[in-house]
PDB file of N, CA and C in Angstrom:
ATOM      1  N   MET A   1       4.949 -17.936 -11.052  1.00  0.00           N
ATOM      2  CA  MET A   1       4.250 -16.687 -10.844  1.00  0.00           C
ATOM      3  C   MET A   1       3.274 -16.493 -12.002  1.00  0.00           C
ATOM      4  N   ASN A   2       2.006 -16.293 -11.684  1.00  0.00           N
ATOM      5  CA  ASN A   2       1.058 -16.062 -12.768  1.00  0.00           C
ATOM      6  C   ASN A   2       1.047 -14.591 -13.137  1.00  0.00           C
ATOM      7  N   ASP A   3       0.328 -14.226 -14.198  1.00  0.00           N
ATOM      8  CA  ASP A   3       0.340 -12.862 -14.728  1.00  0.00           C
ATOM      9  C   ASP A   3      -0.228 -11.834 -13.764  1.00  0.00           C
ATOM     10  N   ASP A   4      -1.022 -12.262 -12.781  1.00  0.00           N
ATOM     11  CA  ASP A   4      -1.617 -11.323 -11.846  1.00  0.00           C
ATOM     12  C   ASP A   4      -0.759 -11.095 -10.611  1.00  0.00           C
ATOM     13  N   ASN A   5       0.395 -11.748 -10.532  1.00  0.00           N
ATOM     14  CA  ASN A   5       1.267 -11.612  -9.372  1.00  0.00           C
ATOM     15  C   ASN A   5       2.537 -10.854  -9.730  1.00  0.00           C
ATOM     16  N   ILE A   6       3.071 -10.153  -8.731  1.00  0.00           N
ATOM     17  CA  ILE A   6       4.353  -9.485  -8.859  1.00  0.00           C
ATOM     18  C   ILE A   6       5.191  -9.838  -7.637  1.00  0.00           C
ATOM     19  N   GLU A   7       6.496  -9.601  -7.718  1.00  0.00           N
ATOM     20  CA  GLU A   7       7.374  -9.885  -6.590  1.00  0.00           C
ATOM     21  C   GLU A   7       7.889  -8.569  -6.017  1.00  0.00           C
ATOM     22  N   ILE A   8       7.835  -8.446  -4.706  1.00  0.00           N
ATOM     23  CA  ILE A   8       8.324  -7.254  -4.012  1.00  0.00           C
ATOM     24  C   ILE A   8       9.174  -7.697  -2.826  1.00  0.00           C
ATOM     25  N   GLU A   9       9.844  -6.737  -2.220  1.00  0.00           N
ATOM     26  CA  GLU A   9      10.649  -7.010  -1.032  1.00  0.00           C
ATOM     27  C   GLU A   9      10.278  -5.980   0.030  1.00  0.00           C
ATOM     28  N   ILE A  10      10.253  -6.417   1.274  1.00  0.00           N
ATOM     29  CA  ILE A  10       9.980  -5.536   2.406  1.00  0.00           C
ATOM     30  C   ILE A  10      11.217  -5.554   3.295  1.00  0.00           C
ATOM     31  N   THR A  11      11.709  -4.360   3.671  1.00  0.00           N
ATOM     32  CA  THR A  11      12.893  -4.287   4.523  1.00  0.00           C
ATOM     33  C   THR A  11      12.632  -3.391   5.726  1.00  0.00           C
ATOM     34  N   TYR A  12      13.205  -3.793   6.844  1.00  0.00           N
ATOM     35  CA  TYR A  12      13.154  -2.995   8.070  1.00  0.00           C
ATOM     36  C   TYR A  12      14.415  -3.289   8.861  1.00  0.00           C
ATOM     37  N   VAL A  13      15.073  -2.238   9.343  1.00  0.00           N
ATOM     38  CA  VAL A  13      16.324  -2.426  10.073  1.00  0.00           C
ATOM     39  C   VAL A  13      16.307  -1.607  11.353  1.00  0.00           C
ATOM     40  N   GLU A  14      16.683  -2.257  12.457  1.00  0.00           N
ATOM     41  CA  GLU A  14      16.954  -1.621  13.739  1.00  0.00           C
ATOM     42  C   GLU A  14      18.397  -1.968  14.066  1.00  0.00           C
ATOM     43  N   PRO A  15      18.997  -1.347  15.078  1.00  0.00           N
ATOM     44  CA  PRO A  15      20.392  -1.661  15.390  1.00  0.00           C
ATOM     45  C   PRO A  15      20.673  -3.156  15.574  1.00  0.00           C
ATOM     46  N   ASN A  16      19.768  -3.891  16.199  1.00  0.00           N
ATOM     47  CA  ASN A  16      20.003  -5.314  16.452  1.00  0.00           C
ATOM     48  C   ASN A  16      18.982  -6.215  15.777  1.00  0.00           C
ATOM     49  N   ASN A  17      18.306  -5.705  14.772  1.00  0.00           N
ATOM     50  CA  ASN A  17      17.239  -6.477  14.137  1.00  0.00           C
ATOM     51  C   ASN A  17      17.123  -6.065  12.676  1.00  0.00           C
ATOM     52  N   GLN A  18      17.214  -7.040  11.786  1.00  0.00           N
ATOM     53  CA  GLN A  18      17.062  -6.772  10.356  1.00  0.00           C
ATOM     54  C   GLN A  18      16.035  -7.740   9.798  1.00  0.00           C
ATOM     55  N   ILE A  19      15.050  -7.200   9.113  1.00  0.00           N
ATOM     56  CA  ILE A  19      14.004  -8.026   8.519  1.00  0.00           C
ATOM     57  C   ILE A  19      13.995  -7.765   7.020  1.00  0.00           C
ATOM     58  N   ILE A  20      14.098  -8.818   6.246  1.00  0.00           N
ATOM     59  CA  ILE A  20      13.975  -8.721   4.797  1.00  0.00           C
ATOM     60  C   ILE A  20      13.042  -9.847   4.358  1.00  0.00           C
ATOM     61  N   ILE A  21      11.947  -9.462   3.724  1.00  0.00           N
ATOM     62  CA  ILE A  21      10.946 -10.436   3.282  1.00  0.00           C
ATOM     63  C   ILE A  21      10.728 -10.252   1.784  1.00  0.00           C
ATOM     64  N   THR A  22      10.804 -11.330   1.039  1.00  0.00           N
ATOM     65  CA  THR A  22      10.455 -11.310  -0.379  1.00  0.00           C
ATOM     66  C   THR A  22       9.113 -11.994  -0.524  1.00  0.00           C
ATOM     67  N   LYS A  23       8.188 -11.337  -1.238  1.00  0.00           N
ATOM     68  CA  LYS A  23       6.828 -11.867  -1.348  1.00  0.00           C
ATOM     69  C   LYS A  23       6.319 -11.797  -2.782  1.00  0.00           C
ATOM     70  N   GLN A  24       5.497 -12.758  -3.107  1.00  0.00           N
ATOM     71  CA  GLN A  24       4.689 -12.717  -4.322  1.00  0.00           C
ATOM     72  C   GLN A  24       3.344 -12.133  -3.902  1.00  0.00           C
ATOM     73  N   ILE A  25       2.933 -11.080  -4.567  1.00  0.00           N
ATOM     74  CA  ILE A  25       1.669 -10.440  -4.210  1.00  0.00           C
ATOM     75  C   ILE A  25       0.821 -10.244  -5.456  1.00  0.00           C
ATOM     76  N   THR A  26      -0.440  -9.969  -5.250  1.00  0.00           N
ATOM     77  CA  THR A  26      -1.344  -9.669  -6.349  1.00  0.00           C
ATOM     78  C   THR A  26      -1.051  -8.275  -6.878  1.00  0.00           C
ATOM     79  N   SER A  27      -1.001  -8.137  -8.187  1.00  0.00           N
ATOM     80  CA  SER A  27      -0.800  -6.801  -8.754  1.00  0.00           C
ATOM     81  C   SER A  27      -1.959  -5.913  -8.309  1.00  0.00           C
ATOM     82  N   ASN A  28      -1.745  -4.635  -8.301  1.00  0.00           N
ATOM     83  CA  ASN A  28      -2.713  -3.640  -7.825  1.00  0.00           C
ATOM     84  C   ASN A  28      -2.840  -3.622  -6.302  1.00  0.00           C
ATOM     85  N   SER A  29      -1.883  -4.220  -5.589  1.00  0.00           N
ATOM     86  CA  SER A  29      -1.871  -4.162  -4.126  1.00  0.00           C
ATOM     87  C   SER A  29      -1.231  -2.853  -3.695  1.00  0.00           C
ATOM     88  N   THR A  30      -1.746  -2.288  -2.589  1.00  0.00           N
ATOM     89  CA  THR A  30      -1.146  -1.065  -2.068  1.00  0.00           C
ATOM     90  C   THR A  30      -0.009  -1.405  -1.117  1.00  0.00           C
ATOM     91  N   LEU A  31       0.873  -0.443  -0.933  1.00  0.00           N
ATOM     92  CA  LEU A  31       2.009  -0.620  -0.042  1.00  0.00           C
ATOM     93  C   LEU A  31       1.540  -1.005   1.359  1.00  0.00           C
ATOM     94  N   MET A  32       0.611  -0.257   1.914  1.00  0.00           N
ATOM     95  CA  MET A  32       0.166  -0.510   3.295  1.00  0.00           C
ATOM     96  C   MET A  32      -0.521  -1.863   3.419  1.00  0.00           C
ATOM     97  N   GLN A  33      -1.293  -2.226   2.433  1.00  0.00           N
ATOM     98  CA  GLN A  33      -1.980  -3.520   2.434  1.00  0.00           C
ATOM     99  C   GLN A  33      -0.954  -4.659   2.523  1.00  0.00           C
ATOM    100  N   VAL A  34       0.100  -4.569   1.737  1.00  0.00           N
ATOM    101  CA  VAL A  34       1.124  -5.620   1.716  1.00  0.00           C
ATOM    102  C   VAL A  34       1.906  -5.642   3.030  1.00  0.00           C
ATOM    103  N   VAL A  35       2.247  -4.469   3.558  1.00  0.00           N
ATOM    104  CA  VAL A  35       2.979  -4.411   4.836  1.00  0.00           C
ATOM    105  C   VAL A  35       2.147  -5.057   5.942  1.00  0.00           C
ATOM    106  N   GLU A  36       0.871  -4.704   6.019  1.00  0.00           N
ATOM    107  CA  GLU A  36       0.008  -5.261   7.066  1.00  0.00           C
ATOM    108  C   GLU A  36      -0.159  -6.771   6.911  1.00  0.00           C
ATOM    109  N   GLU A  37      -0.333  -7.249   5.683  1.00  0.00           N
ATOM    110  CA  GLU A  37      -0.519  -8.683   5.447  1.00  0.00           C
ATOM    111  C   GLU A  37       0.760  -9.491   5.670  1.00  0.00           C
ATOM    112  N   SER A  38       1.918  -8.840   5.546  1.00  0.00           N
ATOM    113  CA  SER A  38       3.193  -9.555   5.660  1.00  0.00           C
ATOM    114  C   SER A  38       3.499  -9.996   7.087  1.00  0.00           C
ATOM    115  N   GLY A  39       2.918  -9.311   8.083  1.00  0.00           N
ATOM    116  CA  GLY A  39       3.207  -9.635   9.473  1.00  0.00           C
ATOM    117  C   GLY A  39       4.451  -8.944  10.005  1.00  0.00           C
ATOM    118  N   VAL A  40       5.119  -8.157   9.175  1.00  0.00           N
ATOM    119  CA  VAL A  40       6.352  -7.499   9.606  1.00  0.00           C
ATOM    120  C   VAL A  40       6.098  -6.520  10.755  1.00  0.00           C
ATOM    121  N   LEU A  41       4.943  -5.896  10.791  1.00  0.00           N
ATOM    122  CA  LEU A  41       4.653  -4.939  11.862  1.00  0.00           C
ATOM    123  C   LEU A  41       4.615  -5.613  13.231  1.00  0.00           C
ATOM    124  N   ASP A  42       4.311  -6.903  13.274  1.00  0.00           N
ATOM    125  CA  ASP A  42       4.289  -7.636  14.538  1.00  0.00           C
ATOM    126  C   ASP A  42       5.701  -7.861  15.087  1.00  0.00           C
ATOM    127  N   LYS A  43       6.712  -7.701  14.242  1.00  0.00           N
ATOM    128  CA  LYS A  43       8.100  -7.948  14.634  1.00  0.00           C
ATOM    129  C   LYS A  43       8.848  -6.670  14.993  1.00  0.00           C
ATOM    130  N   ILE A  44       8.169  -5.527  14.887  1.00  0.00           N
ATOM    131  CA  ILE A  44       8.812  -4.235  15.108  1.00  0.00           C
ATOM    132  C   ILE A  44       8.590  -3.789  16.550  1.00  0.00           C
ATOM    133  N   ASP A  45       9.625  -3.195  17.133  1.00  0.00           N
ATOM    134  CA  ASP A  45       9.566  -2.670  18.497  1.00  0.00           C
ATOM    135  C   ASP A  45       8.351  -1.760  18.639  1.00  0.00           C
ATOM    136  N   LEU A  46       7.541  -2.020  19.650  1.00  0.00           N
ATOM    137  CA  LEU A  46       6.285  -1.286  19.846  1.00  0.00           C
ATOM    138  C   LEU A  46       6.469   0.223  19.963  1.00  0.00           C
ATOM    139  N   LYS A  47       7.600   0.673  20.484  1.00  0.00           N
ATOM    140  CA  LYS A  47       7.787   2.116  20.669  1.00  0.00           C
ATOM    141  C   LYS A  47       7.855   2.865  19.343  1.00  0.00           C
ATOM    142  N   TYR A  48       8.095   2.164  18.240  1.00  0.00           N
ATOM    143  CA  TYR A  48       8.191   2.812  16.932  1.00  0.00           C
ATOM    144  C   TYR A  48       6.900   2.745  16.114  1.00  0.00           C
ATOM    145  N   LYS A  49       6.012   1.822  16.421  1.00  0.00           N
ATOM    146  CA  LYS A  49       4.897   1.508  15.522  1.00  0.00           C
ATOM    147  C   LYS A  49       4.059   2.701  15.070  1.00  0.00           C
ATOM    148  N   ASP A  50       3.777   3.644  15.954  1.00  0.00           N
ATOM    149  CA  ASP A  50       2.936   4.778  15.579  1.00  0.00           C
ATOM    150  C   ASP A  50       3.694   5.854  14.802  1.00  0.00           C
ATOM    151  N   LYS A  51       5.010   5.722  14.720  1.00  0.00           N
ATOM    152  CA  LYS A  51       5.827   6.757  14.098  1.00  0.00           C
ATOM    153  C   LYS A  51       6.519   6.283  12.826  1.00  0.00           C
ATOM    154  N   LEU A  52       6.158   5.118  12.330  1.00  0.00           N
ATOM    155  CA  LEU A  52       6.813   4.573  11.146  1.00  0.00           C
ATOM    156  C   LEU A  52       6.437   5.344   9.894  1.00  0.00           C
ATOM    157  N   LYS A  53       7.395   5.424   8.970  1.00  0.00           N
ATOM    158  CA  LYS A  53       7.156   5.976   7.639  1.00  0.00           C
ATOM    159  C   LYS A  53       7.571   4.907   6.642  1.00  0.00           C
ATOM    160  N   PHE A  54       7.115   5.059   5.418  1.00  0.00           N
ATOM    161  CA  PHE A  54       7.361   4.045   4.401  1.00  0.00           C
ATOM    162  C   PHE A  54       7.916   4.672   3.136  1.00  0.00           C
ATOM    163  N   GLY A  55       8.757   3.925   2.462  1.00  0.00           N
ATOM    164  CA  GLY A  55       9.322   4.393   1.207  1.00  0.00           C
ATOM    165  C   GLY A  55       9.497   3.237   0.245  1.00  0.00           C
ATOM    166  N   VAL A  56       9.811   3.582  -0.983  1.00  0.00           N
ATOM    167  CA  VAL A  56      10.146   2.595  -2.011  1.00  0.00           C
ATOM    168  C   VAL A  56      11.458   3.055  -2.632  1.00  0.00           C
ATOM    169  N   TYR A  57      12.493   2.228  -2.514  1.00  0.00           N
ATOM    170  CA  TYR A  57      13.827   2.544  -3.021  1.00  0.00           C
ATOM    171  C   TYR A  57      14.302   3.924  -2.582  1.00  0.00           C
ATOM    172  N   GLY A  58      14.152   4.239  -1.305  1.00  0.00           N
ATOM    173  CA  GLY A  58      14.679   5.475  -0.755  1.00  0.00           C
ATOM    174  C   GLY A  58      13.814   6.699  -0.961  1.00  0.00           C
ATOM    175  N   ASN A  59      12.684   6.545  -1.610  1.00  0.00           N
ATOM    176  CA  ASN A  59      11.767   7.668  -1.819  1.00  0.00           C
ATOM    177  C   ASN A  59      10.582   7.529  -0.876  1.00  0.00           C
ATOM    178  N   LEU A  60      10.394   8.524  -0.021  1.00  0.00           N
ATOM    179  CA  LEU A  60       9.300   8.503   0.931  1.00  0.00           C
ATOM    180  C   LEU A  60       7.962   8.449   0.196  1.00  0.00           C
ATOM    181  N   VAL A  61       7.064   7.592   0.679  1.00  0.00           N
ATOM    182  CA  VAL A  61       5.719   7.476   0.114  1.00  0.00           C
ATOM    183  C   VAL A  61       4.763   8.174   1.078  1.00  0.00           C
ATOM    184  N   ALA A  62       4.192   9.284   0.633  1.00  0.00           N
ATOM    185  CA  ALA A  62       3.330  10.097   1.492  1.00  0.00           C
ATOM    186  C   ALA A  62       2.002   9.409   1.808  1.00  0.00           C
ATOM    187  N   LYS A  63       1.489   8.636   0.859  1.00  0.00           N
ATOM    188  CA  LYS A  63       0.192   7.981   1.047  1.00  0.00           C
ATOM    189  C   LYS A  63       0.322   6.474   0.804  1.00  0.00           C
ATOM    190  N   PRO A  64       0.855   5.742   1.810  1.00  0.00           N
ATOM    191  CA  PRO A  64       1.066   4.298   1.621  1.00  0.00           C
ATOM    192  C   PRO A  64      -0.223   3.518   1.383  1.00  0.00           C
ATOM    193  N   ASN A  65      -1.368   4.064   1.802  1.00  0.00           N
ATOM    194  CA  ASN A  65      -2.646   3.385   1.557  1.00  0.00           C
ATOM    195  C   ASN A  65      -3.091   3.507   0.108  1.00  0.00           C
ATOM    196  N   GLU A  66      -2.465   4.415  -0.637  1.00  0.00           N
ATOM    197  CA  GLU A  66      -2.851   4.636  -2.031  1.00  0.00           C
ATOM    198  C   GLU A  66      -1.774   4.211  -3.024  1.00  0.00           C
ATOM    199  N   TYR A  67      -0.545   4.025  -2.563  1.00  0.00           N
ATOM    200  CA  TYR A  67       0.562   3.707  -3.463  1.00  0.00           C
ATOM    201  C   TYR A  67       0.437   2.272  -3.983  1.00  0.00           C
ATOM    202  N   ILE A  68       0.313   2.126  -5.303  1.00  0.00           N
ATOM    203  CA  ILE A  68       0.210   0.804  -5.936  1.00  0.00           C
ATOM    204  C   ILE A  68       1.624   0.304  -6.239  1.00  0.00           C
ATOM    205  N   LEU A  69       1.939  -0.868  -5.729  1.00  0.00           N
ATOM    206  CA  LEU A  69       3.268  -1.441  -5.910  1.00  0.00           C
ATOM    207  C   LEU A  69       3.467  -1.961  -7.332  1.00  0.00           C
ATOM    208  N   GLN A  70       4.731  -1.879  -7.758  1.00  0.00           N
ATOM    209  CA  GLN A  70       5.136  -2.373  -9.068  1.00  0.00           C
ATOM    210  C   GLN A  70       6.049  -3.581  -8.875  1.00  0.00           C
ATOM    211  N   ASP A  71       6.153  -4.412  -9.889  1.00  0.00           N
ATOM    212  CA  ASP A  71       7.015  -5.581  -9.829  1.00  0.00           C
ATOM    213  C   ASP A  71       8.448  -5.155  -9.509  1.00  0.00           C
ATOM    214  N   GLY A  72       9.043  -5.777  -8.508  1.00  0.00           N
ATOM    215  CA  GLY A  72      10.417  -5.498  -8.123  1.00  0.00           C
ATOM    216  C   GLY A  72      10.591  -4.393  -7.102  1.00  0.00           C
ATOM    217  N   ASP A  73       9.511  -3.735  -6.681  1.00  0.00           N
ATOM    218  CA  ASP A  73       9.628  -2.674  -5.683  1.00  0.00           C
ATOM    219  C   ASP A  73      10.198  -3.206  -4.375  1.00  0.00           C
ATOM    220  N   ARG A  74      11.008  -2.364  -3.715  1.00  0.00           N
ATOM    221  CA  ARG A  74      11.507  -2.687  -2.385  1.00  0.00           C
ATOM    222  C   ARG A  74      10.883  -1.688  -1.413  1.00  0.00           C
ATOM    223  N   ILE A  75       9.993  -2.190  -0.562  1.00  0.00           N
ATOM    224  CA  ILE A  75       9.368  -1.358   0.465  1.00  0.00           C
ATOM    225  C   ILE A  75      10.365  -1.218   1.608  1.00  0.00           C
ATOM    226  N   GLU A  76      10.575   0.023   2.031  1.00  0.00           N
ATOM    227  CA  GLU A  76      11.455   0.286   3.165  1.00  0.00           C
ATOM    228  C   GLU A  76      10.620   0.890   4.286  1.00  0.00           C
ATOM    229  N   ILE A  77      10.764   0.342   5.466  1.00  0.00           N
ATOM    230  CA  ILE A  77      10.046   0.843   6.637  1.00  0.00           C
ATOM    231  C   ILE A  77      11.048   1.624   7.473  1.00  0.00           C
ATOM    232  N   TYR A  78      10.737   2.900   7.716  1.00  0.00           N
ATOM    233  CA  TYR A  78      11.647   3.790   8.436  1.00  0.00           C
ATOM    234  C   TYR A  78      11.134   4.047   9.842  1.00  0.00           C
ATOM    235  N   ARG A  79      12.008   3.893  10.816  1.00  0.00           N
ATOM    236  CA  ARG A  79      11.673   4.274  12.181  1.00  0.00           C
ATOM    237  C   ARG A  79      12.137   5.708  12.387  1.00  0.00           C
ATOM    238  N   PRO A  80      11.605   6.407  13.382  1.00  0.00           N
ATOM    239  CA  PRO A  80      12.011   7.798  13.585  1.00  0.00           C
ATOM    240  C   PRO A  80      13.458   7.893  14.058  1.00  0.00           C
ATOM    241  N   LEU A  81      14.104   8.991  13.700  1.00  0.00           N
ATOM    242  CA  LEU A  81      15.459   9.236  14.184  1.00  0.00           C
ATOM    243  C   LEU A  81      15.397   9.632  15.649  1.00  0.00           C
ATOM    244  N   LEU A  82      16.316   9.122  16.429  1.00  0.00           N
ATOM    245  CA  LEU A  82      16.359   9.444  17.848  1.00  0.00           C
ATOM    246  C   LEU A  82      17.078  10.764  18.094  1.00  0.00           C
ATOM    247  N   ALA A  83      17.920  11.172  17.140  1.00  0.00           N
ATOM    248  CA  ALA A  83      18.648  12.435  17.268  1.00  0.00           C
ATOM    249  C   ALA A  83      18.785  13.051  15.878  1.00  0.00           C
ATOM    250  N   ASP A  84      18.841  14.361  15.823  1.00  0.00           N
ATOM    251  CA  ASP A  84      19.035  15.074  14.570  1.00  0.00           C
ATOM    252  C   ASP A  84      20.486  14.875  14.128  1.00  0.00           C
ATOM    253  N   PRO A  85      20.731  14.266  12.957  1.00  0.00           N
ATOM    254  CA  PRO A  85      22.107  13.985  12.524  1.00  0.00           C
ATOM    255  C   PRO A  85      22.976  15.241  12.426  1.00  0.00           C
ATOM    256  N   LYS A  86      22.417  16.358  11.977  1.00  0.00           N
ATOM    257  CA  LYS A  86      23.206  17.592  11.869  1.00  0.00           C
ATOM    258  C   LYS A  86      23.635  18.079  13.247  1.00  0.00           C
ATOM    259  N   LYS A  87      22.699  18.052  14.189  1.00  0.00           N
ATOM    260  CA  LYS A  87      23.006  18.502  15.547  1.00  0.00           C
ATOM    261  C   LYS A  87      24.059  17.589  16.181  1.00  0.00           C
ATOM    262  N   THR A  88      23.945  16.291  15.950  1.00  0.00           N
ATOM    263  CA  THR A  88      24.901  15.329  16.506  1.00  0.00           C
ATOM    264  C   THR A  88      26.300  15.580  15.953  1.00  0.00           C
ATOM    265  N   ARG A  89      26.417  15.835  14.636  1.00  0.00           N
ATOM    266  CA  ARG A  89      27.722  16.120  14.033  1.00  0.00           C
ATOM    267  C   ARG A  89      28.316  17.403  14.608  1.00  0.00           C
ATOM    268  N   LEU A  90      27.490  18.431  14.762  1.00  0.00           N
ATOM    269  CA  LEU A  90      27.976  19.692  15.332  1.00  0.00           C
ATOM    270  C   LEU A  90      28.463  19.508  16.767  1.00  0.00           C
ATOM    271  N   GLN A  91      27.763  18.694  17.548  1.00  0.00           N
ATOM    272  CA  GLN A  91      28.182  18.432  18.923  1.00  0.00           C
ATOM    273  C   GLN A  91      29.518  17.688  18.958  1.00  0.00           C
ATOM    274  N   ARG A  92      29.689  16.711  18.052  1.00  0.00           N
ATOM    275  CA  ARG A  92      30.956  15.971  17.989  1.00  0.00           C
ATOM    276  C   ARG A  92      32.101  16.900  17.599  1.00  0.00           C
ATOM    277  N   LEU A  93      31.842  17.770  16.625  1.00  0.00           N
ATOM    278  CA  LEU A  93      32.862  18.717  16.179  1.00  0.00           C
ATOM    279  C   LEU A  93      33.247  19.673  17.303  1.00  0.00           C
ATOM    280  N   ALA A  94      32.262  20.193  18.032  1.00  0.00           N
ATOM    281  CA  ALA A  94      32.534  21.100  19.152  1.00  0.00           C
ATOM    282  C   ALA A  94      33.369  20.395  20.218  1.00  0.00           C
ATOM    283  N   LYS A  95      33.045  19.147  20.515  1.00  0.00           N
ATOM    284  CA  LYS A  95      33.801  18.385  21.517  1.00  0.00           C
ATOM    285  C   LYS A  95      35.231  18.141  21.041  1.00  0.00           C
ATOM    286  N   LEU A  96      35.394  17.817  19.761  1.00  0.00           N
ATOM    287  CA  LEU A  96      36.722  17.594  19.194  1.00  0.00           C
ATOM    288  C   LEU A  96      37.570  18.865  19.280  1.00  0.00           C
ATOM    289  N   LYS A  97      36.975  20.006  18.944  1.00  0.00           N
ATOM    290  CA  LYS A  97      37.698  21.286  19.025  1.00  0.00           C
ATOM    291  C   LYS A  97      38.106  21.583  20.468  1.00  0.00           C
ATOM    292  N   GLN A  98      37.173  21.313  21.386  1.00  0.00           N
ATOM    293  CA  GLN A  98      37.450  21.566  22.802  1.00  0.00           C
ATOM    294  C   GLN A  98      38.575  20.659  23.289  1.00  0.00           C
ATOM    295  N   ASP A  99      38.542  19.365  22.914  1.00  0.00           N
ATOM    296  CA  ASP A  99      39.585  18.422  23.331  1.00  0.00           C
ATOM    297  C   ASP A  99      40.952  18.820  22.756  1.00  0.00           C
ATOM    298  N   ASN A 100      40.964  19.330  21.521  1.00  0.00           N
ATOM    299  CA  ASN A 100      42.226  19.708  20.872  1.00  0.00           C
ATOM    300  C   ASN A 100      42.793  21.014  21.417  1.00  0.00           C
ATOM    301  N   SER A 101      41.944  21.841  21.999  1.00  0.00           N
ATOM    302  CA  SER A 101      42.435  23.122  22.548  1.00  0.00           C
ATOM    303  C   SER A 101      43.033  22.957  23.941  1.00  0.00           C
ATOM    304  N   ASN A 102      42.793  21.810  24.564  1.00  0.00           N
ATOM    305  CA  ASN A 102      43.324  21.569  25.924  1.00  0.00           C
ATOM    306  C   ASN A 102      44.698  21.015  25.880  1.00  0.00           C
TER     307      ASN A 102
END
Protein backbone atom coordinates (compact mmCIF):
# COMPACT_ATOMS: atom_id res chain seq x y z
CA MET A 1 0.00 0.00 0.00
CA ASN A 2 1.51 3.33 -0.97
CA ASP A 3 1.10 6.53 1.08
CA ASP A 4 -1.82 7.73 -1.05
CA ASN A 5 -3.92 4.61 -0.43
CA ILE A 6 -6.05 3.58 2.52
CA GLU A 7 -7.95 0.38 3.29
CA ILE A 8 -11.70 0.35 3.90
CA GLU A 9 -14.45 -2.24 4.13
CA ILE A 10 -17.92 -2.18 2.59
CA THR A 11 -20.72 -4.24 4.17
CA TYR A 12 -24.29 -4.98 3.14
CA VAL A 13 -26.60 -7.59 4.63
CA GLU A 14 -30.00 -8.93 3.57
CA PRO A 15 -31.70 -11.97 5.13
CA ASN A 16 -30.17 -14.34 2.55
CA ASN A 17 -27.30 -12.25 1.23
CA GLN A 18 -24.19 -10.87 2.91
CA ILE A 19 -21.59 -8.82 1.09
CA ILE A 20 -18.29 -7.81 2.65
CA ILE A 21 -15.65 -6.19 0.46
CA THR A 22 -12.23 -4.99 1.59
CA LYS A 23 -10.65 -2.45 -0.75
CA GLN A 24 -7.55 -0.35 -1.14
CA ILE A 25 -8.67 3.09 -2.24
CA THR A 26 -7.11 6.47 -2.90
CA SER A 27 -7.13 8.76 0.11
CA ASN A 28 -9.57 11.67 -0.20
CA SER A 29 -12.20 9.36 -1.77
CA THR A 30 -15.82 9.97 -0.82
CA LEU A 31 -18.07 7.28 0.58
CA MET A 32 -20.46 7.36 -2.39
CA GLN A 33 -17.62 7.33 -4.92
CA VAL A 34 -16.17 4.17 -3.36
CA VAL A 35 -19.57 2.43 -3.08
CA GLU A 36 -20.35 3.13 -6.74
CA GLU A 37 -16.89 2.01 -7.93
CA SER A 38 -17.00 -1.18 -5.83
CA GLY A 39 -19.88 -2.68 -7.83
CA VAL A 40 -21.74 -3.61 -4.64
CA LEU A 41 -24.85 -1.72 -5.77
CA ASP A 42 -25.16 -4.14 -8.71
CA LYS A 43 -25.55 -7.01 -6.21
CA ILE A 44 -28.33 -5.41 -4.16
CA ASP A 45 -32.02 -6.26 -4.62
CA LEU A 46 -33.49 -3.65 -6.98
CA LYS A 47 -36.45 -2.92 -4.70
CA TYR A 48 -34.07 -1.36 -2.15
CA LYS A 49 -31.73 0.67 -4.38
CA ASP A 50 -33.57 4.01 -4.22
CA LYS A 51 -34.06 3.78 -0.46
CA LEU A 52 -30.55 2.88 0.71
CA LYS A 53 -28.78 4.83 3.44
CA PHE A 54 -25.11 4.74 4.33
CA GLY A 55 -23.14 4.80 7.53
CA VAL A 56 -19.65 4.36 8.91
CA TYR A 57 -19.33 2.16 12.01
CA GLY A 58 -23.02 2.50 12.86
CA ASN A 59 -23.20 6.26 12.40
CA LEU A 60 -25.50 7.44 9.64
CA VAL A 61 -23.76 9.61 7.03
CA ALA A 62 -26.14 12.34 5.89
CA LYS A 63 -24.06 13.39 2.88
CA PRO A 64 -22.30 10.31 1.42
CA ASN A 65 -21.19 12.35 -1.61
CA GLU A 66 -19.19 14.63 0.70
CA TYR A 67 -17.96 12.23 3.41
CA ILE A 68 -14.20 11.64 3.03
CA LEU A 69 -13.22 8.14 4.10
CA GLN A 70 -10.46 7.47 6.61
CA ASP A 71 -8.11 4.49 6.79
CA GLY A 72 -9.92 1.54 8.35
CA ASP A 73 -13.46 2.89 7.90
CA ARG A 74 -16.24 0.32 7.52
CA ILE A 75 -18.97 1.53 5.18
CA GLU A 76 -22.35 0.07 6.05
CA ILE A 77 -25.18 0.07 3.53
CA TYR A 78 -28.62 0.08 5.16
CA ARG A 79 -31.80 -1.07 3.47
CA PRO A 80 -35.14 0.32 4.69
CA LEU A 81 -36.95 -1.42 7.51
CA LEU A 82 -40.02 -3.31 6.36
CA ALA A 83 -41.75 -2.84 9.72
CA ASP A 84 -41.39 -0.47 12.66
CA PRO A 85 -39.54 -2.49 15.37
CA LYS A 86 -41.44 -0.80 18.22
CA LYS A 87 -44.81 -1.50 16.62
CA THR A 88 -43.81 -5.12 15.94
CA ARG A 89 -42.78 -5.65 19.59
CA LEU A 90 -46.05 -4.14 20.82
CA GLN A 91 -48.05 -6.41 18.51
CA ARG A 92 -46.15 -9.49 19.77
CA LEU A 93 -46.74 -8.44 23.38
CA ALA A 94 -50.47 -7.89 22.76
CA LYS A 95 -50.75 -11.33 21.13
CA LEU A 96 -48.86 -12.95 24.01
CA LYS A 97 -51.18 -11.30 26.57
CA GLN A 98 -54.22 -12.40 24.58
CA ASP A 99 -52.94 -16.00 24.31
CA ASN A 100 -52.21 -16.11 28.06
CA SER A 101 -55.66 -14.80 28.99
CA ASN A 102 -57.40 -17.66 27.13
